[in-house]
Amino acid sequence: MSVPSALPATSREWHLVARPQGWPVPADFALRETPVAAPAEGRILVRNLFMSVDPYMRGRMNDVKSYVPPFQLDKPMDGGAVGVVVASGDERFAVGDHVLHGLGWREYADVDAKHATKVDPSLAPLSSYLGVLGMPGLTAYAGLFEVASFKEGDTVFVSGAAGAVGSQVGQLARLKGAARVIGSAGSDEKVKWLVEELGFDAAFNYKNGPVRDQLRAAAPDGIDVYFDNVGGEHLEAAISSLKVHGRATICGMIAGYNDTEPTPGPRNMAMIIGKRLRLQGILVGDHAALQPQFVQEVAGWIASGELKYGETVVAGIDKGVDAFLGMLRGENTGKMVVSLGE
């Protein structure tokens, strides 16, 4: 076993203490101290440097059966994190190695070594392994190329386009020869970033008018692909604008995550029949086989400067819930991450 001379006595971690009713509030969470011990055989102790907050985590706060188990009350929450190994009970990992793993929301994580992946901080900033080179990036890559069957010359519309997934979808489409890339976002500042920095052909602020009207103005000839991160009004508008044999990847529906009543479905679903549309959901875990190809291709685009990414970094474990709630409100540009210190 590889253990440094001194380990911290305690670690702070976020627990879910009440199931949110509608929008989560700070009182639904508690930051608690727990003891830190040397890892057992086959495990590693990681000091987390960055942790991820993501939209899917809101669904895990509800006590309902889903594709991932709900968070347990009065237990630490989890999610993506990158950190440095400070003690190792597994010969595959040494003290000082940097790793990606799934036990975020805490300062120190006792991780099963089978569920940790080494990452190289010399290839890319560590936080990027939670975003552009991580789960959101692979979601964008698989959702556009495999699920939506993107092909050169397609016109692509992305909702939530200034978020971690959406901002990458639009750029991937552009890099692969889209005829036109359109995005929607929740502020004029984000719209400007999409067009001027990321190379979207058009973008609009969905708060400035009906999505259907703004999308028609941006894509008067219709769209071939819709990448949905929002649902609701956006999905209805996209169904109206999709061409015959159009494809939609349904990645998220953040517009309804905090609703206390069932979200009404699009009122124009009959169009799916006449247009022969394909709407397909995506879970990134189904596309793990694409990981090597994804990392190789996207890392090359990042190195060349052809693909840009944004991050909104909030400092301190104590700000973890604030960062999560801010992400739900759309306060982030690009990936929202929490820095836990170098």
Protein backbone atom coordinates (compact mmCIF):
# COMPACT_ATOMS: atom_id res chain seq x y z
CA MET A 1 0.00 0.00 0.00
CA SER A 2 1.16 3.49 -0.85
CA VAL A 3 0.21 6.02 1.84
CA PRO A 4 1.61 9.50 2.51
CA SER A 5 2.91 10.36 5.96
CA ALA A 6 -0.29 12.08 7.09
CA LEU A 7 -3.89 11.93 5.94
CA PRO A 8 -6.53 14.48 6.90
CA ALA A 9 -8.75 13.49 9.80
CA THR A 10 -11.99 14.51 8.13
CA SER A 11 -13.54 15.32 4.78
CA ARG A 12 -16.53 17.48 4.00
CA GLU A 13 -19.26 16.05 1.78
CA TRP A 14 -22.70 17.12 0.57
CA HIS A 15 -25.69 15.04 1.67
CA LEU A 16 -29.24 15.22 0.36
CA VAL A 17 -31.43 15.67 3.45
CA ALA A 18 -34.84 16.29 1.84
CA ARG A 19 -36.37 15.48 -1.53
CA PRO A 20 -36.99 18.74 -3.39
CA GLN A 21 -40.56 19.71 -4.21
CA GLY A 22 -40.23 21.66 -7.43
CA TRP A 23 -37.09 23.79 -7.47
CA PRO A 24 -34.44 22.58 -5.01
CA VAL A 25 -33.56 24.94 -2.16
CA PRO A 26 -30.40 25.07 -0.02
CA ALA A 27 -32.27 23.54 2.93
CA ASP A 28 -32.57 20.28 0.93
CA PHE A 29 -28.81 19.76 1.37
CA ALA A 30 -26.29 19.61 4.21
CA LEU A 31 -22.47 19.88 4.19
CA ARG A 32 -21.20 17.36 6.73
CA GLU A 33 -17.85 16.18 8.01
CA THR A 34 -16.90 12.50 7.87
CA PRO A 35 -13.74 10.70 8.97
CA VAL A 36 -11.00 9.86 6.47
CA ALA A 37 -9.20 6.49 6.62
CA ALA A 38 -6.49 4.78 4.57
CA PRO A 39 -7.99 2.81 1.66
CA ALA A 40 -8.48 -0.95 1.84
CA GLU A 41 -6.93 -3.32 -0.69
CA GLY A 42 -8.21 -2.65 -4.18
CA ARG A 43 -9.23 0.92 -3.33
CA ILE A 44 -7.65 4.37 -3.60
CA LEU A 45 -8.10 7.57 -1.62
CA VAL A 46 -8.49 10.58 -3.90
CA ARG A 47 -8.34 14.26 -3.00
CA ASN A 48 -10.86 15.76 -5.37
CA LEU A 49 -9.70 18.82 -7.29
CA PHE A 50 -12.80 19.41 -9.44
CA MET A 51 -16.32 18.07 -9.20
CA SER A 52 -19.13 18.22 -11.73
CA VAL A 53 -22.67 19.50 -11.34
CA ASP A 54 -25.00 18.33 -14.12
CA PRO A 55 -28.70 18.60 -15.01
CA TYR A 56 -29.30 14.84 -14.66
CA MET A 57 -28.56 15.12 -10.94
CA ARG A 58 -31.89 16.90 -10.40
CA GLY A 59 -33.75 13.74 -11.45
CA ARG A 60 -31.75 11.65 -8.99
CA MET A 61 -33.09 13.78 -6.14
CA ASN A 62 -36.57 12.35 -6.74
CA ASP A 63 -37.46 8.97 -5.24
CA VAL A 64 -38.48 7.41 -8.53
CA LYS A 65 -37.20 4.49 -10.55
CA SER A 66 -35.02 5.67 -13.40
CA TYR A 67 -31.94 4.72 -15.41
CA VAL A 68 -29.76 5.57 -12.38
CA PRO A 69 -30.72 5.01 -8.73
CA PRO A 70 -31.95 8.05 -6.80
CA PHE A 71 -29.70 9.75 -4.28
CA GLN A 72 -30.29 8.37 -0.79
CA LEU A 73 -31.31 10.72 1.98
CA ASP A 74 -28.62 11.52 4.57
CA LYS A 75 -25.98 9.91 2.38
CA PRO A 76 -23.31 11.62 0.24
CA MET A 77 -24.37 12.46 -3.28
CA ASP A 78 -22.13 11.39 -6.15
CA GLY A 79 -21.16 12.51 -9.62
CA GLY A 80 -18.13 13.04 -11.82
CA ALA A 81 -14.90 14.25 -10.22
CA VAL A 82 -11.21 14.46 -10.99
CA GLY A 83 -8.53 14.43 -8.34
CA VAL A 84 -5.14 13.24 -7.20
CA VAL A 85 -4.42 9.92 -5.49
CA VAL A 86 -3.17 10.52 -1.92
CA ALA A 87 -3.15 6.90 -0.76
CA SER A 88 -3.36 3.68 -2.76
CA GLY A 89 -4.31 0.12 -1.95
CA ASP A 90 -4.05 -0.95 -5.59
CA GLU A 91 -0.82 -1.51 -7.52
CA ARG A 92 -2.28 0.09 -10.66
CA PHE A 93 -2.35 3.51 -8.98
CA ALA A 94 0.42 5.44 -7.26
CA VAL A 95 0.28 8.45 -5.00
CA GLY A 96 0.30 11.50 -7.26
CA ASP A 97 -1.66 9.92 -10.14
CA HIS A 98 -4.57 11.99 -11.42
CA VAL A 99 -7.84 10.12 -11.85
CA LEU A 100 -11.40 10.53 -13.09
CA HIS A 101 -14.07 8.79 -11.01
CA GLY A 102 -17.71 8.98 -9.93
CA LEU A 103 -17.57 10.06 -6.28
CA GLY A 104 -17.89 13.80 -6.43
CA TRP A 105 -19.67 16.11 -3.97
CA ARG A 106 -16.90 15.52 -1.39
CA GLU A 107 -13.34 16.63 -0.68
CA TYR A 108 -11.85 13.13 -0.29
CA ALA A 109 -13.20 10.02 -2.00
CA ASP A 110 -12.54 6.38 -1.14
CA VAL A 111 -12.83 4.89 -4.62
CA ASP A 112 -12.93 1.31 -5.87
CA ALA A 113 -9.87 1.23 -8.14
CA LYS A 114 -11.87 -0.60 -10.83
CA HIS A 115 -14.01 2.53 -11.19
CA ALA A 116 -11.16 5.04 -11.57
CA THR A 117 -9.46 6.09 -14.81
CA LYS A 118 -6.07 7.76 -15.03
CA VAL A 119 -6.05 11.13 -16.80
CA ASP A 120 -3.11 13.17 -18.02
CA PRO A 121 -3.06 16.82 -16.89
CA SER A 122 -0.38 17.57 -19.49
CA LEU A 123 -2.78 16.78 -22.36
CA ALA A 124 -5.63 18.99 -21.16
CA PRO A 125 -6.69 20.87 -18.02
CA LEU A 126 -8.06 18.49 -15.42
CA SER A 127 -11.47 20.16 -15.40
CA SER A 128 -11.88 19.41 -19.11
CA TYR A 129 -12.18 15.69 -18.29
CA LEU A 130 -15.53 16.58 -16.69
CA GLY A 131 -16.70 18.53 -19.73
CA VAL A 132 -15.35 18.75 -23.25
CA LEU A 133 -13.34 15.51 -22.92
CA GLY A 134 -15.70 13.88 -20.44
CA MET A 135 -19.27 12.68 -20.15
CA PRO A 136 -20.89 15.81 -21.66
CA GLY A 137 -18.46 15.74 -24.58
CA LEU A 138 -19.10 12.09 -25.35
CA THR A 139 -22.84 12.74 -25.04
CA ALA A 140 -22.56 15.45 -27.70
CA TYR A 141 -20.40 13.28 -29.96
CA ALA A 142 -22.52 10.13 -29.73
CA GLY A 143 -25.80 12.02 -29.78
CA LEU A 144 -24.98 13.87 -32.97
CA PHE A 145 -23.10 11.28 -34.97
CA GLU A 146 -24.57 7.97 -33.81
CA VAL A 147 -28.08 8.75 -32.57
CA ALA A 148 -29.00 11.60 -34.93
CA SER A 149 -27.12 10.06 -37.88
CA PHE A 150 -25.68 13.46 -38.79
CA LYS A 151 -24.40 13.80 -42.33
CA GLU A 152 -22.55 16.52 -44.17
CA GLY A 153 -24.90 19.24 -45.44
CA ASP A 154 -27.44 18.88 -42.61
CA THR A 155 -28.99 21.91 -40.95
CA VAL A 156 -28.76 21.43 -37.19
CA PHE A 157 -30.65 23.10 -34.34
CA VAL A 158 -29.41 22.78 -30.75
CA SER A 159 -31.33 23.90 -27.67
CA GLY A 160 -29.46 24.72 -24.50
CA ALA A 161 -26.66 25.56 -26.91
CA ALA A 162 -24.51 27.46 -24.43
CA GLY A 163 -24.32 24.54 -22.01
CA ALA A 164 -21.65 21.86 -21.78
CA VAL A 165 -23.33 19.48 -24.24
CA GLY A 166 -25.04 21.92 -26.57
CA SER A 167 -22.00 24.12 -27.17
CA GLN A 168 -20.04 21.07 -28.28
CA VAL A 169 -22.82 19.68 -30.48
CA GLY A 170 -22.95 22.85 -32.54
CA GLN A 171 -19.20 22.95 -33.06
CA LEU A 172 -19.00 19.25 -33.94
CA ALA A 173 -21.70 19.76 -36.56
CA ARG A 174 -19.82 22.73 -38.00
CA LEU A 175 -16.52 20.83 -38.08
CA LYS A 176 -18.18 17.92 -39.90
CA GLY A 177 -19.70 20.05 -42.63
CA ALA A 178 -23.14 21.15 -41.51
CA ALA A 179 -24.86 23.49 -43.94
CA ARG A 180 -26.13 25.61 -41.06
CA VAL A 181 -25.92 25.43 -37.24
CA ILE A 182 -28.49 27.22 -35.07
CA GLY A 183 -28.57 27.46 -31.30
CA SER A 184 -30.89 28.78 -28.62
CA ALA A 185 -29.77 30.12 -25.25
CA GLY A 186 -31.18 32.12 -22.38
CA SER A 187 -29.34 35.43 -22.65
CA ASP A 188 -28.14 37.84 -25.30
CA GLU A 189 -24.60 37.43 -23.96
CA LYS A 190 -24.72 33.67 -24.55
CA VAL A 191 -26.15 34.19 -28.03
CA LYS A 192 -23.23 36.47 -28.85
CA TRP A 193 -20.75 33.86 -27.54
CA LEU A 194 -22.30 31.13 -29.71
CA VAL A 195 -22.06 33.15 -32.90
CA GLU A 196 -18.88 35.15 -32.40
CA GLU A 197 -16.74 32.63 -30.50
CA LEU A 198 -18.07 29.16 -31.36
CA GLY A 199 -18.99 29.73 -35.00
CA PHE A 200 -22.73 29.06 -34.91
CA ASP A 201 -24.38 30.46 -38.05
CA ALA A 202 -27.29 31.82 -36.03
CA ALA A 203 -28.54 31.85 -32.45
CA PHE A 204 -31.43 33.39 -30.56
CA ASN A 205 -32.48 34.16 -27.01
CA TYR A 206 -35.56 32.04 -26.36
CA LYS A 207 -36.75 34.61 -23.80
CA ASN A 208 -37.11 37.24 -26.53
CA GLY A 209 -40.14 35.66 -28.25
CA PRO A 210 -41.83 32.40 -29.24
CA VAL A 211 -39.25 29.72 -30.03
CA ARG A 212 -41.19 28.59 -33.10
CA ASP A 213 -41.06 32.05 -34.67
CA GLN A 214 -37.39 32.63 -33.87
CA LEU A 215 -36.43 29.19 -35.18
CA ARG A 216 -38.32 29.72 -38.42
CA ALA A 217 -36.54 33.04 -38.91
CA ALA A 218 -33.15 31.40 -38.31
CA ALA A 219 -33.91 28.33 -40.46
CA PRO A 220 -36.51 29.35 -43.06
CA ASP A 221 -35.88 26.18 -45.08
CA GLY A 222 -36.27 23.88 -42.07
CA ILE A 223 -33.86 21.69 -40.11
CA ASP A 224 -32.58 18.14 -40.59
CA VAL A 225 -31.39 17.47 -37.04
CA TYR A 226 -32.58 18.69 -33.65
CA PHE A 227 -30.47 18.10 -30.54
CA ASP A 228 -32.81 18.56 -27.57
CA ASN A 229 -31.50 19.57 -24.16
CA VAL A 230 -34.61 21.49 -23.12
CA GLY A 231 -37.90 19.88 -24.17
CA GLY A 232 -41.18 21.75 -23.83
CA GLU A 233 -41.70 24.66 -26.24
CA HIS A 234 -38.37 23.93 -27.94
CA LEU A 235 -39.34 20.38 -28.87
CA GLU A 236 -42.68 21.52 -30.25
CA ALA A 237 -40.96 24.19 -32.34
CA ALA A 238 -38.39 21.72 -33.63
CA ILE A 239 -41.07 19.23 -34.72
CA SER A 240 -42.64 22.03 -36.75
CA SER A 241 -39.32 22.91 -38.41
CA LEU A 242 -37.94 19.42 -39.02
CA LYS A 243 -37.92 18.35 -42.65
CA VAL A 244 -39.22 15.02 -43.94
CA HIS A 245 -37.07 12.22 -42.45
CA GLY A 246 -35.67 14.62 -39.86
CA ARG A 247 -33.97 13.22 -36.77
CA ALA A 248 -34.00 14.41 -33.17
CA THR A 249 -31.74 13.32 -30.33
CA ILE A 250 -33.56 13.70 -27.02
CA CYS A 251 -30.78 14.30 -24.50
CA GLY A 252 -32.48 16.31 -21.78
CA MET A 253 -35.64 18.21 -20.91
CA ILE A 254 -34.39 20.70 -18.35
CA ALA A 255 -37.41 22.96 -18.90
CA GLY A 256 -39.53 20.47 -16.96
CA TYR A 257 -37.09 19.10 -14.37
CA ASN A 258 -38.48 21.22 -11.53
CA ASP A 259 -42.16 21.09 -12.50
CA THR A 260 -44.47 19.66 -9.87
CA GLU A 261 -47.09 18.68 -12.46
CA PRO A 262 -46.53 16.51 -15.56
CA THR A 263 -45.15 18.53 -18.45
CA PRO A 264 -47.57 18.67 -21.40
CA GLY A 265 -46.26 17.01 -24.54
CA PRO A 266 -45.87 18.84 -27.85
CA ARG A 267 -49.23 19.66 -29.40
CA ASN A 268 -48.02 18.87 -32.92
CA MET A 269 -46.90 15.26 -32.53
CA ALA A 270 -49.09 14.20 -35.45
CA MET A 271 -46.41 15.78 -37.66
CA ILE A 272 -44.09 12.93 -36.68
CA ILE A 273 -46.18 10.64 -38.87
CA GLY A 274 -46.39 12.67 -42.04
CA LYS A 275 -42.77 13.78 -41.88
CA ARG A 276 -41.58 10.28 -40.90
CA LEU A 277 -39.49 11.80 -38.11
CA ARG A 278 -37.19 9.82 -35.83
CA LEU A 279 -36.97 10.99 -32.22
CA GLN A 280 -34.56 8.95 -30.13
CA GLY A 281 -33.35 9.28 -26.56
CA ILE A 282 -29.71 9.00 -25.56
CA LEU A 283 -27.95 7.69 -22.47
CA VAL A 284 -24.22 8.16 -22.81
CA GLY A 285 -23.46 4.84 -21.14
CA ASP A 286 -24.76 3.05 -24.23
CA HIS A 287 -21.97 4.56 -26.33
CA ALA A 288 -18.83 3.72 -24.36
CA ALA A 289 -17.33 2.01 -27.41
CA LEU A 290 -16.96 5.44 -29.04
CA GLN A 291 -14.74 6.73 -26.21
CA PRO A 292 -11.30 6.17 -27.83
CA GLN A 293 -12.41 7.64 -31.17
CA PHE A 294 -14.08 10.56 -29.39
CA VAL A 295 -11.04 11.46 -27.27
CA GLN A 296 -8.63 11.20 -30.18
CA GLU A 297 -10.73 13.33 -32.53
CA VAL A 298 -11.86 15.96 -30.03
CA ALA A 299 -8.45 16.33 -28.37
CA GLY A 300 -7.03 17.05 -31.83
CA TRP A 301 -9.61 19.76 -32.47
CA ILE A 302 -8.93 21.31 -29.08
CA ALA A 303 -5.17 21.30 -29.70
CA SER A 304 -5.62 22.92 -33.11
CA GLY A 305 -7.98 25.55 -31.72
CA GLU A 306 -10.79 24.43 -34.01
CA LEU A 307 -13.01 23.45 -31.08
CA LYS A 308 -13.45 25.84 -28.18
CA TYR A 309 -15.09 25.24 -24.85
CA GLY A 310 -16.37 27.36 -22.03
CA GLU A 311 -16.25 26.69 -18.33
CA THR A 312 -17.91 28.36 -15.39
CA VAL A 313 -15.82 27.55 -12.30
CA VAL A 314 -17.14 28.04 -8.78
CA ALA A 315 -14.52 27.79 -6.02
CA GLY A 316 -14.97 25.81 -2.81
CA ILE A 317 -16.80 22.70 -1.64
CA ASP A 318 -19.06 24.97 0.40
CA LYS A 319 -20.31 26.50 -2.88
CA GLY A 320 -21.26 23.14 -4.40
CA VAL A 321 -25.02 23.50 -3.99
CA ASP A 322 -24.91 27.13 -5.14
CA ALA A 323 -23.16 25.97 -8.32
CA PHE A 324 -25.74 23.23 -8.89
CA LEU A 325 -28.69 25.59 -8.43
CA GLY A 326 -27.00 28.19 -10.63
CA MET A 327 -26.55 25.59 -13.37
CA LEU A 328 -30.27 24.73 -13.21
CA ARG A 329 -31.04 28.44 -13.60
CA GLY A 330 -28.75 28.68 -16.62
CA GLU A 331 -26.10 30.86 -15.00
CA ASN A 332 -23.25 28.90 -16.59
CA THR A 333 -21.63 29.35 -19.98
CA GLY A 334 -20.23 25.99 -21.02
CA LYS A 335 -19.56 23.40 -18.31
CA MET A 336 -20.28 24.24 -14.67
CA VAL A 337 -17.61 22.80 -12.37
CA VAL A 338 -16.67 23.29 -8.73
CA SER A 339 -12.99 23.73 -7.92
CA LEU A 340 -11.95 22.16 -4.62
CA GLY A 341 -8.41 23.57 -4.58
CA GLU A 342 -5.12 22.57 -6.15
